[in-house]
């Protein structure tokens, strides 16, 4: 008797790419190292803060805001 697979269970049986297999093995290794340890004993990975806005856009924004302010002050001082 042949076993019928539904569409959902067939998706679970697909082959993994080497990159996905490597990621899964690393995750499993990290999880087995954590088993049975209290949360306080686990080292937290420190993530460096990365600004969501690139420095180029910040410089451009500062130029537009402060440049406009400077030009407005110059025009008010010299061209009353």
N, C-alpha and C. Protein backbone atom coordinates (compact mmCIF):
# COMPACT_ATOMS: atom_id res chain seq x y z
N UNK A 1 0.84 -1.17 0.00
CA UNK A 1 0.00 0.00 0.00
C UNK A 1 0.90 1.24 0.00
N UNK A 2 0.73 2.09 -0.99
CA UNK A 2 1.55 3.29 -1.13
C UNK A 2 1.04 4.36 -0.17
N UNK A 3 1.96 5.07 0.40
CA UNK A 3 1.61 6.12 1.36
C UNK A 3 1.34 7.41 0.60
N UNK A 4 0.21 8.01 0.85
CA UNK A 4 -0.18 9.26 0.21
C UNK A 4 0.37 10.43 1.03
N UNK A 5 1.03 11.38 0.35
CA UNK A 5 1.54 12.57 1.03
C UNK A 5 0.71 13.77 0.63
N UNK A 6 0.34 14.54 1.61
CA UNK A 6 -0.36 15.78 1.29
C UNK A 6 0.67 16.80 0.83
N UNK A 7 0.18 17.91 0.29
CA UNK A 7 1.07 18.96 -0.21
C UNK A 7 1.93 19.52 0.92
N UNK A 8 1.35 19.69 2.12
CA UNK A 8 2.10 20.24 3.25
C UNK A 8 3.23 19.33 3.69
N UNK A 9 2.95 18.04 3.78
CA UNK A 9 3.99 17.12 4.23
C UNK A 9 5.05 16.92 3.15
N UNK A 10 4.69 17.08 1.88
CA UNK A 10 5.67 16.96 0.80
C UNK A 10 6.67 18.11 0.86
N UNK A 11 6.22 19.29 1.30
CA UNK A 11 7.12 20.43 1.42
C UNK A 11 8.18 20.18 2.49
N UNK A 12 7.84 19.41 3.51
CA UNK A 12 8.78 19.14 4.59
C UNK A 12 9.88 18.18 4.17
N UNK A 13 9.66 17.42 3.12
CA UNK A 13 10.61 16.40 2.71
C UNK A 13 11.57 16.87 1.62
N UNK A 14 11.53 18.13 1.26
CA UNK A 14 12.41 18.62 0.21
C UNK A 14 13.85 18.64 0.69
N UNK A 15 14.76 18.47 -0.26
CA UNK A 15 16.19 18.46 0.07
C UNK A 15 16.64 19.85 0.49
N UNK A 16 17.65 19.88 1.36
CA UNK A 16 18.21 21.14 1.82
C UNK A 16 19.41 21.52 0.96
N UNK A 17 19.61 22.81 0.81
CA UNK A 17 20.82 23.28 0.15
C UNK A 17 21.98 23.14 1.13
N UNK A 18 23.21 23.07 0.64
CA UNK A 18 24.35 22.97 1.56
C UNK A 18 24.42 24.13 2.55
N UNK A 19 24.06 25.32 2.10
CA UNK A 19 24.10 26.48 2.99
C UNK A 19 23.06 26.33 4.11
N UNK A 20 21.86 25.88 3.75
CA UNK A 20 20.81 25.68 4.76
C UNK A 20 21.20 24.57 5.72
N UNK A 21 21.78 23.49 5.21
CA UNK A 21 22.20 22.38 6.06
C UNK A 21 23.25 22.84 7.06
N UNK A 22 24.21 23.66 6.59
CA UNK A 22 25.26 24.18 7.47
C UNK A 22 24.65 25.07 8.56
N UNK A 23 23.70 25.92 8.18
CA UNK A 23 23.04 26.80 9.15
C UNK A 23 22.26 25.99 10.17
N UNK A 24 21.58 24.95 9.71
CA UNK A 24 20.81 24.10 10.63
C UNK A 24 21.73 23.37 11.61
N UNK A 25 22.88 22.90 11.13
CA UNK A 25 23.82 22.21 12.01
C UNK A 25 24.39 23.16 13.06
N UNK A 26 24.70 24.39 12.66
CA UNK A 26 25.22 25.38 13.60
C UNK A 26 24.17 25.71 14.67
N UNK A 27 22.92 25.88 14.23
CA UNK A 27 21.84 26.18 15.17
C UNK A 27 21.65 25.03 16.15
N UNK A 28 21.67 23.79 15.65
CA UNK A 28 21.49 22.62 16.51
C UNK A 28 22.64 22.51 17.51
N UNK A 29 23.86 22.79 17.06
CA UNK A 29 25.03 22.74 17.95
C UNK A 29 24.90 23.78 19.06
N UNK A 30 24.50 25.01 18.69
CA UNK A 30 24.33 26.07 19.68
C UNK A 30 23.23 25.72 20.69
N UNK A 31 22.14 25.14 20.20
CA UNK A 31 21.03 24.79 21.09
C UNK A 31 21.40 23.67 22.04
N UNK A 32 22.14 22.67 21.56
CA UNK A 32 22.52 21.57 22.46
C UNK A 32 23.50 22.07 23.53
N UNK A 33 24.30 23.08 23.21
CA UNK A 33 25.22 23.63 24.21
C UNK A 33 24.45 24.38 25.30
N UNK A 34 23.26 24.90 24.97
CA UNK A 34 22.46 25.67 25.93
C UNK A 34 21.60 24.78 26.82
N UNK A 35 21.37 23.55 26.43
CA UNK A 35 20.42 22.69 27.14
C UNK A 35 20.82 22.48 28.60
N UNK A 36 19.86 22.69 29.49
CA UNK A 36 20.06 22.43 30.90
C UNK A 36 20.74 23.55 31.66
N UNK A 37 21.12 24.61 30.99
CA UNK A 37 21.80 25.71 31.68
C UNK A 37 20.79 26.81 31.98
N UNK A 38 20.93 27.48 33.13
CA UNK A 38 20.04 28.60 33.42
C UNK A 38 20.35 29.78 32.49
N UNK A 39 19.35 30.63 32.32
CA UNK A 39 19.52 31.73 31.37
C UNK A 39 20.61 32.71 31.77
N UNK A 40 20.85 32.86 33.06
CA UNK A 40 21.89 33.77 33.53
C UNK A 40 23.29 33.29 33.18
N UNK A 41 23.46 31.99 32.99
CA UNK A 41 24.79 31.44 32.71
C UNK A 41 25.15 31.53 31.22
N UNK A 42 24.17 31.82 30.39
CA UNK A 42 24.43 31.89 28.95
C UNK A 42 25.00 33.25 28.57
N UNK A 43 25.96 33.24 27.69
CA UNK A 43 26.54 34.49 27.22
C UNK A 43 25.63 35.08 26.15
N UNK A 44 25.38 36.33 26.28
CA UNK A 44 24.58 37.03 25.28
C UNK A 44 25.51 37.58 24.21
N UNK A 45 25.10 37.43 22.97
CA UNK A 45 25.90 37.99 21.88
C UNK A 45 25.68 39.50 21.86
N UNK A 46 26.78 40.23 21.86
CA UNK A 46 26.66 41.68 21.80
C UNK A 46 26.63 42.12 20.35
N UNK A 47 25.62 42.90 20.03
CA UNK A 47 25.50 43.41 18.68
C UNK A 47 25.90 44.88 18.67
N UNK A 48 26.74 45.24 17.73
CA UNK A 48 27.13 46.63 17.60
C UNK A 48 25.97 47.41 17.01
N UNK A 49 25.78 48.62 17.54
CA UNK A 49 24.70 49.46 17.04
C UNK A 49 25.04 49.93 15.64
N UNK A 50 24.11 49.78 14.74
CA UNK A 50 24.30 50.25 13.38
C UNK A 50 23.13 51.17 13.06
N UNK A 51 23.47 52.39 12.68
CA UNK A 51 22.45 53.37 12.37
C UNK A 51 21.67 52.95 11.13
N UNK A 52 20.35 53.14 11.14
CA UNK A 52 19.57 52.77 9.96
C UNK A 52 19.77 53.74 8.79
N UNK A 53 20.39 54.89 9.06
CA UNK A 53 20.62 55.89 8.01
C UNK A 53 22.12 55.99 7.77
N UNK A 54 22.52 55.95 6.51
CA UNK A 54 23.95 56.00 6.20
C UNK A 54 24.50 57.40 6.46
N UNK A 55 25.80 57.51 6.71
CA UNK A 55 26.41 58.81 6.98
C UNK A 55 26.27 59.79 5.80
N UNK A 56 26.24 59.28 4.59
CA UNK A 56 26.09 60.15 3.41
C UNK A 56 24.76 60.88 3.47
N UNK A 57 23.68 60.15 3.83
CA UNK A 57 22.37 60.79 3.91
C UNK A 57 22.31 61.79 5.06
N UNK A 58 22.99 61.50 6.15
CA UNK A 58 23.02 62.45 7.27
C UNK A 58 23.72 63.74 6.89
N UNK A 59 24.84 63.62 6.15
CA UNK A 59 25.57 64.81 5.70
C UNK A 59 24.70 65.61 4.73
N UNK A 60 24.02 64.93 3.83
CA UNK A 60 23.15 65.61 2.86
C UNK A 60 22.01 66.34 3.58
N UNK A 61 21.41 65.68 4.56
CA UNK A 61 20.33 66.31 5.32
C UNK A 61 20.84 67.52 6.09
N UNK A 62 22.01 67.40 6.72
CA UNK A 62 22.59 68.52 7.46
C UNK A 62 22.90 69.68 6.52
N UNK A 63 23.41 69.38 5.32
CA UNK A 63 23.70 70.43 4.35
C UNK A 63 22.43 71.16 3.95
N UNK A 64 21.36 70.42 3.70
CA UNK A 64 20.11 71.05 3.27
C UNK A 64 19.55 71.92 4.39
N UNK A 65 19.53 71.40 5.61
CA UNK A 65 18.93 72.15 6.72
C UNK A 65 19.80 73.34 7.11
N UNK A 66 21.07 73.08 7.42
CA UNK A 66 21.93 74.17 7.89
C UNK A 66 22.37 75.08 6.76
N UNK A 67 22.53 74.54 5.57
CA UNK A 67 22.88 75.38 4.42
C UNK A 67 21.76 76.36 4.12
N UNK A 68 20.52 75.88 4.17
CA UNK A 68 19.37 76.77 3.95
C UNK A 68 19.28 77.83 5.03
N UNK A 69 19.59 77.45 6.26
CA UNK A 69 19.57 78.40 7.37
C UNK A 69 20.64 79.48 7.18
N UNK A 70 21.82 79.07 6.78
CA UNK A 70 22.91 80.04 6.56
C UNK A 70 22.58 80.98 5.42
N UNK A 71 22.08 80.45 4.31
CA UNK A 71 21.71 81.31 3.18
C UNK A 71 20.59 82.27 3.55
N UNK A 72 19.64 81.82 4.35
CA UNK A 72 18.55 82.70 4.79
C UNK A 72 19.09 83.82 5.69
N UNK A 73 20.00 83.50 6.60
CA UNK A 73 20.59 84.54 7.45
C UNK A 73 21.38 85.55 6.63
N UNK A 74 22.15 85.08 5.66
CA UNK A 74 22.93 85.98 4.81
C UNK A 74 22.01 86.90 4.03
N UNK A 75 20.94 86.34 3.48
CA UNK A 75 20.03 87.18 2.69
C UNK A 75 19.31 88.20 3.58
N UNK A 76 18.98 87.85 4.81
CA UNK A 76 18.32 88.80 5.70
C UNK A 76 19.27 89.89 6.18
N UNK A 77 20.55 89.56 6.34
CA UNK A 77 21.52 90.55 6.82
C UNK A 77 21.87 91.53 5.70
N UNK A 78 22.16 91.02 4.51
CA UNK A 78 22.66 91.89 3.44
C UNK A 78 21.56 92.46 2.55
N UNK A 79 20.43 91.83 2.44
CA UNK A 79 19.39 92.27 1.51
C UNK A 79 18.09 92.58 2.24
N UNK A 80 18.15 93.49 3.18
CA UNK A 80 16.97 93.85 3.97
C UNK A 80 15.98 94.45 3.10
